[in-house]
Amino acid sequence: IDAQGTRFVRLARYHLAIYEADPTQAAVAIWVPGRVELL
């Protein structure tokens, strides 16, 4: 979704910092797009 991976890299680093998380623990990264109703 993000060719540079910058969005998830930023989120993961923020996650590590605010939660003082273990870098080795299991994690998931998920992208959910918005949508428009054309008709």
Full PDB file with SEQRES, HELIX, SHEET, SSBOND, CRYST1, ORIGX, SCALE, CONECT and MASTER records, all heavy atoms in Angstrom:
SEQRES   1 A   39  ILE ASP ALA GLN GLY THR ARG PHE VAL ARG LEU ALA ARG          
SEQRES   2 A   39  TYR HIS LEU ALA ILE TYR GLU ALA ASP PRO THR GLN ALA          
SEQRES   3 A   39  ALA VAL ALA ILE TRP VAL PRO GLY ARG VAL GLU LEU LEU          
HELIX    1 AA1 THR A    6  TYR A   19  1                                  14    
CRYST1    1.000    1.000    1.000  90.00  90.00  90.00 P 1           1          
ORIGX1      1.000000  0.000000  0.000000        0.00000                         
ORIGX2      0.000000  1.000000  0.000000        0.00000                         
ORIGX3      0.000000  0.000000  1.000000        0.00000                         
SCALE1      1.000000  0.000000  0.000000        0.00000                         
SCALE2      0.000000  1.000000  0.000000        0.00000                         
SCALE3      0.000000  0.000000  1.000000        0.00000                         
ATOM      1  N   ILE A   1       0.832  -1.194   0.000  1.00  0.00           N  
ATOM      2  CA  ILE A   1       0.000   0.000   0.000  1.00  0.00           C  
ATOM      3  C   ILE A   1       0.875   1.256   0.000  1.00  0.00           C  
ATOM      4  O   ILE A   1       0.555   2.255  -0.608  1.00  0.00           O  
ATOM      5  CB  ILE A   1      -0.938   0.002   1.234  1.00  0.00           C  
ATOM      6  CG1 ILE A   1      -1.874  -1.211   1.174  1.00  0.00           C  
ATOM      7  CG2 ILE A   1      -1.751   1.284   1.298  1.00  0.00           C  
ATOM      8  CD1 ILE A   1      -2.801  -1.230  -0.024  1.00  0.00           C  
ATOM      9  N   ASP A   2       1.976   1.193   0.695  1.00  0.00           N  
ATOM     10  CA  ASP A   2       2.876   2.335   0.804  1.00  0.00           C  
ATOM     11  C   ASP A   2       4.253   1.854   0.358  1.00  0.00           C  
ATOM     12  O   ASP A   2       4.935   1.147   1.094  1.00  0.00           O  
ATOM     13  CB  ASP A   2       2.905   2.833   2.258  1.00  0.00           C  
ATOM     14  CG  ASP A   2       3.776   4.062   2.445  1.00  0.00           C  
ATOM     15  OD1 ASP A   2       4.522   4.444   1.526  1.00  0.00           O  
ATOM     16  OD2 ASP A   2       3.709   4.633   3.526  1.00  0.00           O  
ATOM     17  N   ALA A   3       4.670   2.228  -0.837  1.00  0.00           N  
ATOM     18  CA  ALA A   3       5.873   1.648  -1.444  1.00  0.00           C  
ATOM     19  C   ALA A   3       7.102   1.780  -0.564  1.00  0.00           C  
ATOM     20  O   ALA A   3       7.961   0.895  -0.533  1.00  0.00           O  
ATOM     21  CB  ALA A   3       6.126   2.302  -2.803  1.00  0.00           C  
ATOM     22  N   GLN A   4       7.224   2.858   0.187  1.00  0.00           N  
ATOM     23  CA  GLN A   4       8.386   3.056   1.038  1.00  0.00           C  
ATOM     24  C   GLN A   4       8.216   2.410   2.415  1.00  0.00           C  
ATOM     25  O   GLN A   4       9.170   2.315   3.174  1.00  0.00           O  
ATOM     26  CB  GLN A   4       8.670   4.564   1.205  1.00  0.00           C  
ATOM     27  CG  GLN A   4       8.885   5.308  -0.104  1.00  0.00           C  
ATOM     28  CD  GLN A   4      10.055   4.754  -0.876  1.00  0.00           C  
ATOM     29  OE1 GLN A   4      11.079   4.412  -0.299  1.00  0.00           O  
ATOM     30  NE2 GLN A   4       9.893   4.640  -2.194  1.00  0.00           N  
ATOM     31  N   GLY A   5       7.029   1.995   2.716  1.00  0.00           N  
ATOM     32  CA  GLY A   5       6.783   1.420   4.041  1.00  0.00           C  
ATOM     33  C   GLY A   5       6.850   2.451   5.143  1.00  0.00           C  
ATOM     34  O   GLY A   5       6.883   2.104   6.323  1.00  0.00           O  
ATOM     35  N   THR A   6       6.854   3.735   4.788  1.00  0.00           N  
ATOM     36  CA  THR A   6       7.079   4.767   5.795  1.00  0.00           C  
ATOM     37  C   THR A   6       5.962   4.851   6.820  1.00  0.00           C  
ATOM     38  O   THR A   6       6.211   5.120   7.993  1.00  0.00           O  
ATOM     39  CB  THR A   6       7.255   6.137   5.121  1.00  0.00           C  
ATOM     40  OG1 THR A   6       6.127   6.388   4.271  1.00  0.00           O  
ATOM     41  CG2 THR A   6       8.522   6.168   4.282  1.00  0.00           C  
ATOM     42  N   ARG A   7       4.736   4.621   6.383  1.00  0.00           N  
ATOM     43  CA  ARG A   7       3.620   4.746   7.322  1.00  0.00           C  
ATOM     44  C   ARG A   7       3.726   3.696   8.425  1.00  0.00           C  
ATOM     45  O   ARG A   7       3.577   4.002   9.608  1.00  0.00           O  
ATOM     46  CB  ARG A   7       2.294   4.598   6.567  1.00  0.00           C  
ATOM     47  CG  ARG A   7       1.077   4.699   7.474  1.00  0.00           C  
ATOM     48  CD  ARG A   7      -0.219   4.616   6.685  1.00  0.00           C  
ATOM     49  NE  ARG A   7      -0.387   5.755   5.804  1.00  0.00           N  
ATOM     50  CZ  ARG A   7      -0.392   5.680   4.473  1.00  0.00           C  
ATOM     51  NH1 ARG A   7      -0.215   4.515   3.888  1.00  0.00           N  
ATOM     52  NH2 ARG A   7      -0.580   6.743   3.744  1.00  0.00           N  
ATOM     53  N   PHE A   8       4.008   2.457   8.050  1.00  0.00           N  
ATOM     54  CA  PHE A   8       4.077   1.401   9.050  1.00  0.00           C  
ATOM     55  C   PHE A   8       5.356   1.481   9.871  1.00  0.00           C  
ATOM     56  O   PHE A   8       5.360   1.134  11.046  1.00  0.00           O  
ATOM     57  CB  PHE A   8       3.931   0.034   8.378  1.00  0.00           C  
ATOM     58  CG  PHE A   8       2.538  -0.232   7.912  1.00  0.00           C  
ATOM     59  CD1 PHE A   8       2.193  -0.041   6.589  1.00  0.00           C  
ATOM     60  CD2 PHE A   8       1.551  -0.638   8.793  1.00  0.00           C  
ATOM     61  CE1 PHE A   8       0.908  -0.268   6.145  1.00  0.00           C  
ATOM     62  CE2 PHE A   8       0.263  -0.870   8.368  1.00  0.00           C  
ATOM     63  CZ  PHE A   8      -0.067  -0.678   7.030  1.00  0.00           C  
ATOM     64  N   VAL A   9       6.424   1.924   9.245  1.00  0.00           N  
ATOM     65  CA  VAL A   9       7.661   2.121  10.006  1.00  0.00           C  
ATOM     66  C   VAL A   9       7.440   3.173  11.089  1.00  0.00           C  
ATOM     67  O   VAL A   9       7.826   2.994  12.249  1.00  0.00           O  
ATOM     68  CB  VAL A   9       8.812   2.541   9.066  1.00  0.00           C  
ATOM     69  CG1 VAL A   9      10.028   3.001   9.875  1.00  0.00           C  
ATOM     70  CG2 VAL A   9       9.199   1.392   8.151  1.00  0.00           C  
ATOM     71  N   ARG A  10       6.810   4.279  10.724  1.00  0.00           N  
ATOM     72  CA  ARG A  10       6.546   5.342  11.688  1.00  0.00           C  
ATOM     73  C   ARG A  10       5.641   4.846  12.816  1.00  0.00           C  
ATOM     74  O   ARG A  10       5.882   5.111  14.001  1.00  0.00           O  
ATOM     75  CB  ARG A  10       5.915   6.535  10.972  1.00  0.00           C  
ATOM     76  CG  ARG A  10       5.617   7.718  11.876  1.00  0.00           C  
ATOM     77  CD  ARG A  10       5.195   8.942  11.075  1.00  0.00           C  
ATOM     78  NE  ARG A  10       3.989   8.708  10.300  1.00  0.00           N  
ATOM     79  CZ  ARG A  10       3.966   8.582   8.981  1.00  0.00           C  
ATOM     80  NH1 ARG A  10       5.086   8.654   8.282  1.00  0.00           N  
ATOM     81  NH2 ARG A  10       2.822   8.383   8.340  1.00  0.00           N  
ATOM     82  N   LEU A  11       4.589   4.129  12.439  1.00  0.00           N  
ATOM     83  CA  LEU A  11       3.666   3.609  13.450  1.00  0.00           C  
ATOM     84  C   LEU A  11       4.357   2.612  14.380  1.00  0.00           C  
ATOM     85  O   LEU A  11       4.151   2.632  15.598  1.00  0.00           O  
ATOM     86  CB  LEU A  11       2.474   2.941  12.779  1.00  0.00           C  
ATOM     87  CG  LEU A  11       1.326   3.831  12.339  1.00  0.00           C  
ATOM     88  CD1 LEU A  11       0.253   3.002  11.662  1.00  0.00           C  
ATOM     89  CD2 LEU A  11       0.736   4.596  13.514  1.00  0.00           C  
ATOM     90  N   ALA A  12       5.142   1.704  13.804  1.00  0.00           N  
ATOM     91  CA  ALA A  12       5.818   0.696  14.624  1.00  0.00           C  
ATOM     92  C   ALA A  12       6.795   1.345  15.606  1.00  0.00           C  
ATOM     93  O   ALA A  12       6.885   0.940  16.772  1.00  0.00           O  
ATOM     94  CB  ALA A  12       6.548  -0.303  13.738  1.00  0.00           C  
ATOM     95  N   ARG A  13       7.518   2.346  15.151  1.00  0.00           N  
ATOM     96  CA  ARG A  13       8.463   3.030  16.042  1.00  0.00           C  
ATOM     97  C   ARG A  13       7.723   3.804  17.125  1.00  0.00           C  
ATOM     98  O   ARG A  13       8.159   3.842  18.283  1.00  0.00           O  
ATOM     99  CB  ARG A  13       9.369   3.946  15.227  1.00  0.00           C  
ATOM    100  CG  ARG A  13      10.340   3.164  14.335  1.00  0.00           C  
ATOM    101  CD  ARG A  13      11.172   4.077  13.458  1.00  0.00           C  
ATOM    102  NE  ARG A  13      12.114   3.291  12.653  1.00  0.00           N  
ATOM    103  CZ  ARG A  13      12.909   3.805  11.717  1.00  0.00           C  
ATOM    104  NH1 ARG A  13      12.864   5.113  11.469  1.00  0.00           N  
ATOM    105  NH2 ARG A  13      13.721   3.026  11.038  1.00  0.00           N  
ATOM    106  N   TYR A  14       6.615   4.417  16.759  1.00  0.00           N  
ATOM    107  CA  TYR A  14       5.792   5.115  17.749  1.00  0.00           C  
ATOM    108  C   TYR A  14       5.245   4.116  18.762  1.00  0.00           C  
ATOM    109  O   TYR A  14       5.230   4.376  19.968  1.00  0.00           O  
ATOM    110  CB  TYR A  14       4.653   5.828  17.027  1.00  0.00           C  
ATOM    111  CG  TYR A  14       3.931   6.863  17.854  1.00  0.00           C  
ATOM    112  CD1 TYR A  14       4.357   8.185  17.881  1.00  0.00           C  
ATOM    113  CD2 TYR A  14       2.807   6.524  18.598  1.00  0.00           C  
ATOM    114  CE1 TYR A  14       3.691   9.138  18.620  1.00  0.00           C  
ATOM    115  CE2 TYR A  14       2.129   7.472  19.354  1.00  0.00           C  
ATOM    116  CZ  TYR A  14       2.574   8.779  19.353  1.00  0.00           C  
ATOM    117  OH  TYR A  14       1.916   9.715  20.108  1.00  0.00           O  
ATOM    118  N   HIS A  15       4.805   2.977  18.269  1.00  0.00           N  
ATOM    119  CA  HIS A  15       4.275   1.913  19.127  1.00  0.00           C  
ATOM    120  C   HIS A  15       5.342   1.439  20.115  1.00  0.00           C  
ATOM    121  O   HIS A  15       5.075   1.278  21.317  1.00  0.00           O  
ATOM    122  CB  HIS A  15       3.814   0.752  18.241  1.00  0.00           C  
ATOM    123  CG  HIS A  15       2.956  -0.253  18.925  1.00  0.00           C  
ATOM    124  ND1 HIS A  15       1.584  -0.233  18.869  1.00  0.00           N  
ATOM    125  CD2 HIS A  15       3.274  -1.331  19.688  1.00  0.00           C  
ATOM    126  CE1 HIS A  15       1.094  -1.251  19.564  1.00  0.00           C  
ATOM    127  NE2 HIS A  15       2.101  -1.938  20.063  1.00  0.00           N  
ATOM    128  N   LEU A  16       6.531   1.213  19.615  1.00  0.00           N  
ATOM    129  CA  LEU A  16       7.641   0.793  20.480  1.00  0.00           C  
ATOM    130  C   LEU A  16       7.899   1.812  21.575  1.00  0.00           C  
ATOM    131  O   LEU A  16       8.157   1.458  22.733  1.00  0.00           O  
ATOM    132  CB  LEU A  16       8.909   0.602  19.643  1.00  0.00           C  
ATOM    133  CG  LEU A  16       9.031  -0.695  18.848  1.00  0.00           C  
ATOM    134  CD1 LEU A  16      10.120  -0.573  17.794  1.00  0.00           C  
ATOM    135  CD2 LEU A  16       9.332  -1.868  19.783  1.00  0.00           C  
ATOM    136  N   ALA A  17       7.832   3.088  21.225  1.00  0.00           N  
ATOM    137  CA  ALA A  17       8.173   4.144  22.176  1.00  0.00           C  
ATOM    138  C   ALA A  17       7.095   4.336  23.241  1.00  0.00           C  
ATOM    139  O   ALA A  17       7.392   4.353  24.440  1.00  0.00           O  
ATOM    140  CB  ALA A  17       8.416   5.450  21.428  1.00  0.00           C  
ATOM    141  N   ILE A  18       5.838   4.458  22.834  1.00  0.00           N  
ATOM    142  CA  ILE A  18       4.807   4.811  23.811  1.00  0.00           C  
ATOM    143  C   ILE A  18       4.439   3.648  24.723  1.00  0.00           C  
ATOM    144  O   ILE A  18       4.052   3.849  25.873  1.00  0.00           O  
ATOM    145  CB  ILE A  18       3.543   5.361  23.130  1.00  0.00           C  
ATOM    146  CG1 ILE A  18       2.908   4.317  22.211  1.00  0.00           C  
ATOM    147  CG2 ILE A  18       3.850   6.638  22.379  1.00  0.00           C  
ATOM    148  CD1 ILE A  18       1.573   4.763  21.651  1.00  0.00           C  
ATOM    149  N   TYR A  19       4.555   2.425  24.207  1.00  0.00           N  
ATOM    150  CA  TYR A  19       4.203   1.267  25.022  1.00  0.00           C  
ATOM    151  C   TYR A  19       5.426   0.584  25.628  1.00  0.00           C  
ATOM    152  O   TYR A  19       5.278  -0.379  26.388  1.00  0.00           O  
ATOM    153  CB  TYR A  19       3.432   0.242  24.182  1.00  0.00           C  
ATOM    154  CG  TYR A  19       2.081   0.717  23.722  1.00  0.00           C  
ATOM    155  CD1 TYR A  19       1.720   0.668  22.380  1.00  0.00           C  
ATOM    156  CD2 TYR A  19       1.133   1.195  24.625  1.00  0.00           C  
ATOM    157  CE1 TYR A  19       0.476   1.088  21.947  1.00  0.00           C  
ATOM    158  CE2 TYR A  19      -0.108   1.625  24.207  1.00  0.00           C  
ATOM    159  CZ  TYR A  19      -0.432   1.565  22.867  1.00  0.00           C  
ATOM    160  OH  TYR A  19      -1.669   1.980  22.439  1.00  0.00           O  
ATOM    161  N   GLU A  20       6.627   1.074  25.278  1.00  0.00           N  
ATOM    162  CA  GLU A  20       7.870   0.422  25.719  1.00  0.00           C  
ATOM    163  C   GLU A  20       7.792  -1.071  25.393  1.00  0.00           C  
ATOM    164  O   GLU A  20       8.075  -1.933  26.223  1.00  0.00           O  
ATOM    165  CB  GLU A  20       8.112   0.656  27.205  1.00  0.00           C  
ATOM    166  CG  GLU A  20       8.292   2.136  27.557  1.00  0.00           C  
ATOM    167  CD  GLU A  20       8.562   2.360  29.028  1.00  0.00           C  
ATOM    168  OE1 GLU A  20       8.406   1.399  29.823  1.00  0.00           O  
ATOM    169  OE2 GLU A  20       8.928   3.483  29.392  1.00  0.00           O  
ATOM    170  N   ALA A  21       7.385  -1.339  24.168  1.00  0.00           N  
ATOM    171  CA  ALA A  21       7.110  -2.710  23.746  1.00  0.00           C  
ATOM    172  C   ALA A  21       8.390  -3.481  23.466  1.00  0.00           C  
ATOM    173  O   ALA A  21       9.432  -2.916  23.140  1.00  0.00           O  
ATOM    174  CB  ALA A  21       6.236  -2.696  22.493  1.00  0.00           C  
ATOM    175  N   ASP A  22       8.291  -4.792  23.588  1.00  0.00           N  
ATOM    176  CA  ASP A  22       9.385  -5.697  23.259  1.00  0.00           C  
ATOM    177  C   ASP A  22       9.478  -5.818  21.739  1.00  0.00           C  
ATOM    178  O   ASP A  22       8.513  -6.238  21.093  1.00  0.00           O  
ATOM    179  CB  ASP A  22       9.113  -7.061  23.891  1.00  0.00           C  
ATOM    180  CG  ASP A  22      10.185  -8.098  23.567  1.00  0.00           C  
ATOM    181  OD1 ASP A  22      11.141  -7.783  22.831  1.00  0.00           O  
ATOM    182  OD2 ASP A  22      10.048  -9.237  24.050  1.00  0.00           O  
ATOM    183  N   PRO A  23      10.614  -5.469  21.130  1.00  0.00           N  
ATOM    184  CA  PRO A  23      10.723  -5.529  19.669  1.00  0.00           C  
ATOM    185  C   PRO A  23      10.531  -6.931  19.090  1.00  0.00           C  
ATOM    186  O   PRO A  23      10.216  -7.066  17.912  1.00  0.00           O  
ATOM    187  CB  PRO A  23      12.145  -5.024  19.394  1.00  0.00           C  
ATOM    188  CG  PRO A  23      12.541  -4.270  20.612  1.00  0.00           C  
ATOM    189  CD  PRO A  23      11.836  -4.935  21.752  1.00  0.00           C  
ATOM    190  N   THR A  24      10.717  -7.960  19.920  1.00  0.00           N  
ATOM    191  CA  THR A  24      10.607  -9.329  19.412  1.00  0.00           C  
ATOM    192  C   THR A  24       9.190  -9.891  19.515  1.00  0.00           C  
ATOM    193  O   THR A  24       8.942 -10.993  19.011  1.00  0.00           O  
ATOM    194  CB  THR A  24      11.565 -10.261  20.166  1.00  0.00           C  
ATOM    195  OG1 THR A  24      11.158 -10.359  21.543  1.00  0.00           O  
ATOM    196  CG2 THR A  24      12.998  -9.743  20.101  1.00  0.00           C  
ATOM    197  N   GLN A  25       8.270  -9.169  20.159  1.00  0.00           N  
ATOM    198  CA  GLN A  25       6.939  -9.731  20.344  1.00  0.00           C  
ATOM    199  C   GLN A  25       6.152  -9.714  19.035  1.00  0.00           C  
ATOM    200  O   GLN A  25       6.414  -8.932  18.121  1.00  0.00           O  
ATOM    201  CB  GLN A  25       6.176  -8.976  21.430  1.00  0.00           C  
ATOM    202  CG  GLN A  25       5.696  -7.602  21.029  1.00  0.00           C  
ATOM    203  CD  GLN A  25       4.885  -6.930  22.132  1.00  0.00           C  
ATOM    204  OE1 GLN A  25       5.080  -5.765  22.401  1.00  0.00           O  
ATOM    205  NE2 GLN A  25       3.991  -7.657  22.766  1.00  0.00           N  
ATOM    206  N   ALA A  26       5.170 -10.594  18.960  1.00  0.00           N  
ATOM    207  CA  ALA A  26       4.351 -10.706  17.761  1.00  0.00           C  
ATOM    208  C   ALA A  26       3.541  -9.433  17.549  1.00  0.00           C  
ATOM    209  O   ALA A  26       3.012  -8.844  18.493  1.00  0.00           O  
ATOM    210  CB  ALA A  26       3.415 -11.904  17.883  1.00  0.00           C  
ATOM    211  N   ALA A  27       3.454  -9.030  16.304  1.00  0.00           N  
ATOM    212  CA  ALA A  27       2.698  -7.832  15.944  1.00  0.00           C  
ATOM    213  C   ALA A  27       2.028  -8.046  14.598  1.00  0.00           C  
ATOM    214  O   ALA A  27       2.452  -8.885  13.799  1.00  0.00           O  
ATOM    215  CB  ALA A  27       3.619  -6.616  15.889  1.00  0.00           C  
ATOM    216  N   VAL A  28       0.975  -7.262  14.360  1.00  0.00           N  
ATOM    217  CA  VAL A  28       0.350  -7.244  13.050  1.00  0.00           C  
ATOM    218  C   VAL A  28       0.281  -5.804  12.573  1.00  0.00           C  
ATOM    219  O   VAL A  28       0.148  -4.877  13.365  1.00  0.00           O  
ATOM    220  CB  VAL A  28      -1.072  -7.859  13.053  1.00  0.00           C  
ATOM    221  CG1 VAL A  28      -1.007  -9.345  13.340  1.00  0.00           C  
ATOM    222  CG2 VAL A  28      -1.974  -7.160  14.058  1.00  0.00           C  
ATOM    223  N   ALA A  29       0.413  -5.617  11.268  1.00  0.00           N  
ATOM    224  CA  ALA A  29       0.253  -4.316  10.630  1.00  0.00           C  
ATOM    225  C   ALA A  29      -0.841  -4.451   9.585  1.00  0.00           C  
ATOM    226  O   ALA A  29      -0.775  -5.334   8.724  1.00  0.00           O  
ATOM    227  CB  ALA A  29       1.560  -3.865   9.992  1.00  0.00           C  
ATOM    228  N   ILE A  30      -1.846  -3.607   9.675  1.00  0.00           N  
ATOM    229  CA  ILE A  30      -3.039  -3.759   8.853  1.00  0.00           C  
ATOM    230  C   ILE A  30      -3.383  -2.431   8.191  1.00  0.00           C  
ATOM    231  O   ILE A  30      -3.287  -1.368   8.818  1.00  0.00           O  
ATOM    232  CB  ILE A  30      -4.224  -4.257   9.710  1.00  0.00           C  
ATOM    233  CG1 ILE A  30      -3.971  -5.706  10.137  1.00  0.00           C  
ATOM    234  CG2 ILE A  30      -5.550  -4.129   8.967  1.00  0.00           C  
ATOM    235  CD1 ILE A  30      -4.972  -6.252  11.109  1.00  0.00           C  
ATOM    236  N   TRP A  31      -3.767  -2.501   6.933  1.00  0.00           N  
ATOM    237  CA  TRP A  31      -4.214  -1.346   6.176  1.00  0.00           C  
ATOM    238  C   TRP A  31      -5.669  -1.552   5.763  1.00  0.00           C  
ATOM    239  O   TRP A  31      -6.036  -2.596   5.236  1.00  0.00           O  
ATOM    240  CB  TRP A  31      -3.355  -1.170   4.920  1.00  0.00           C  
ATOM    241  CG  TRP A  31      -3.919  -0.183   3.932  1.00  0.00           C  
ATOM    242  CD1 TRP A  31      -4.613  -0.470   2.790  1.00  0.00           C  
ATOM    243  CD2 TRP A  31      -3.838   1.239   4.009  1.00  0.00           C  
ATOM    244  NE1 TRP A  31      -4.961   0.684   2.146  1.00  0.00           N  
ATOM    245  CE2 TRP A  31      -4.501   1.752   2.870  1.00  0.00           C  
ATOM    246  CE3 TRP A  31      -3.252   2.127   4.919  1.00  0.00           C  
ATOM    247  CZ2 TRP A  31      -4.614   3.120   2.630  1.00  0.00           C  
ATOM    248  CZ3 TRP A  31      -3.361   3.484   4.675  1.00  0.00           C  
ATOM    249  CH2 TRP A  31      -4.029   3.968   3.543  1.00  0.00           C  
ATOM    250  N   VAL A  32      -6.523  -0.559   6.044  1.00  0.00           N  
ATOM    251  CA  VAL A  32      -7.926  -0.608   5.633  1.00  0.00           C  
ATOM    252  C   VAL A  32      -8.217   0.646   4.818  1.00  0.00           C  
ATOM    253  O   VAL A  32      -8.146   1.760   5.344  1.00  0.00           O  
ATOM    254  CB  VAL A  32      -8.873  -0.673   6.847  1.00  0.00           C  
ATOM    255  CG1 VAL A  32     -10.325  -0.757   6.368  1.00  0.00           C  
ATOM    256  CG2 VAL A  32      -8.536  -1.847   7.745  1.00  0.00           C  
ATOM    257  N   PRO A  33      -8.522   0.502   3.542  1.00  0.00           N  
ATOM    258  CA  PRO A  33      -8.786   1.683   2.719  1.00  0.00           C  
ATOM    259  C   PRO A  33     -10.155   2.287   2.996  1.00  0.00           C  
ATOM    260  O   PRO A  33     -11.086   1.589   3.420  1.00  0.00           O  
ATOM    261  CB  PRO A  33      -8.719   1.135   1.289  1.00  0.00           C  
ATOM    262  CG  PRO A  33      -9.146  -0.288   1.428  1.00  0.00           C  
ATOM    263  CD  PRO A  33      -8.601  -0.748   2.764  1.00  0.00           C  
ATOM    264  N   GLY A  34     -10.278   3.572   2.743  1.00  0.00           N  
ATOM    265  CA  GLY A  34     -11.596   4.186   2.721  1.00  0.00           C  
ATOM    266  C   GLY A  34     -12.304   3.801   1.440  1.00  0.00           C  
ATOM    267  O   GLY A  34     -11.758   3.085   0.592  1.00  0.00           O  
ATOM    268  N   ARG A  35     -13.535   4.263   1.297  1.00  0.00           N  
ATOM    269  CA  ARG A  35     -14.291   3.912   0.095  1.00  0.00           C  
ATOM    270  C   ARG A  35     -15.250   5.043  -0.227  1.00  0.00           C  
ATOM    271  O   ARG A  35     -15.607   5.855   0.634  1.00  0.00           O  
ATOM    272  CB  ARG A  35     -15.075   2.618   0.301  1.00  0.00           C  
ATOM    273  CG  ARG A  35     -16.223   2.769   1.269  1.00  0.00           C  
ATOM    274  CD  ARG A  35     -16.977   1.492   1.526  1.00  0.00           C  
ATOM    275  NE  ARG A  35     -18.082   1.730   2.450  1.00  0.00           N  
ATOM    276  CZ  ARG A  35     -18.737   0.779   3.095  1.00  0.00           C  
ATOM    277  NH1 ARG A  35     -18.381  -0.484   2.928  1.00  0.00           N  
ATOM    278  NH2 ARG A  35     -19.726   1.076   3.906  1.00  0.00           N  
ATOM    279  N   VAL A  36     -15.659   5.085  -1.469  1.00  0.00           N  
ATOM    280  CA  VAL A  36     -16.714   6.002  -1.898  1.00  0.00           C  
ATOM    281  C   VAL A  36     -17.784   5.189  -2.608  1.00  0.00           C  
ATOM    282  O   VAL A  36     -17.481   4.176  -3.250  1.00  0.00           O  
ATOM    283  CB  VAL A  36     -16.181   7.106  -2.830  1.00  0.00           C  
ATOM    284  CG1 VAL A  36     -15.288   8.068  -2.074  1.00  0.00           C  
ATOM    285  CG2 VAL A  36     -15.437   6.509  -4.026  1.00  0.00           C  
ATOM    286  N   GLU A  37     -19.017   5.628  -2.469  1.00  0.00           N  
ATOM    287  CA  GLU A  37     -20.131   4.989  -3.164  1.00  0.00           C  
ATOM    288  C   GLU A  37     -20.406   5.795  -4.431  1.00  0.00           C  
ATOM    289  O   GLU A  37     -20.853   6.945  -4.368  1.00  0.00           O  
ATOM    290  CB  GLU A  37     -21.356   4.933  -2.264  1.00  0.00           C  
ATOM    291  CG  GLU A  37     -21.192   3.956  -1.111  1.00  0.00           C  
ATOM    292  CD  GLU A  37     -22.404   3.922  -0.210  1.00  0.00           C  
ATOM    293  OE1 GLU A  37     -22.590   4.883   0.549  1.00  0.00           O  
ATOM    294  OE2 GLU A  37     -23.149   2.919  -0.264  1.00  0.00           O  
ATOM    295  N   LEU A  38     -20.123   5.193  -5.551  1.00  0.00           N  
ATOM    296  CA  LEU A  38     -20.303   5.870  -6.827  1.00  0.00           C  
ATOM    297  C   LEU A  38     -21.777   5.923  -7.233  1.00  0.00           C  
ATOM    298  O   LEU A  38     -22.243   6.901  -7.800  1.00  0.00           O  
ATOM    299  CB  LEU A  38     -19.490   5.158  -7.909  1.00  0.00           C  
ATOM    300  CG  LEU A  38     -17.986   5.020  -7.628  1.00  0.00           C  
ATOM    301  CD1 LEU A  38     -17.315   4.229  -8.740  1.00  0.00           C  
ATOM    302  CD2 LEU A  38     -17.343   6.393  -7.469  1.00  0.00           C  
ATOM    303  N   LEU A  39     -22.499   4.838  -6.941  1.00  0.00           N  
ATOM    304  CA  LEU A  39     -23.930   4.760  -7.223  1.00  0.00           C  
ATOM    305  C   LEU A  39     -24.618   4.048  -6.069  1.00  0.00           C  
ATOM    306  O   LEU A  39     -24.047   3.153  -5.454  1.00  0.00           O  
ATOM    307  CB  LEU A  39     -24.197   3.985  -8.523  1.00  0.00           C  
ATOM    308  CG  LEU A  39     -23.695   4.606  -9.838  1.00  0.00           C  
ATOM    309  CD1 LEU A  39     -23.862   3.596 -10.975  1.00  0.00           C  
ATOM    310  CD2 LEU A  39     -24.467   5.882 -10.157  1.00  0.00           C  
TER     311      LEU A  39                                                      
MASTER        0    0    0    1    0    0    0    6  310    1    0    3          
END                                                                             
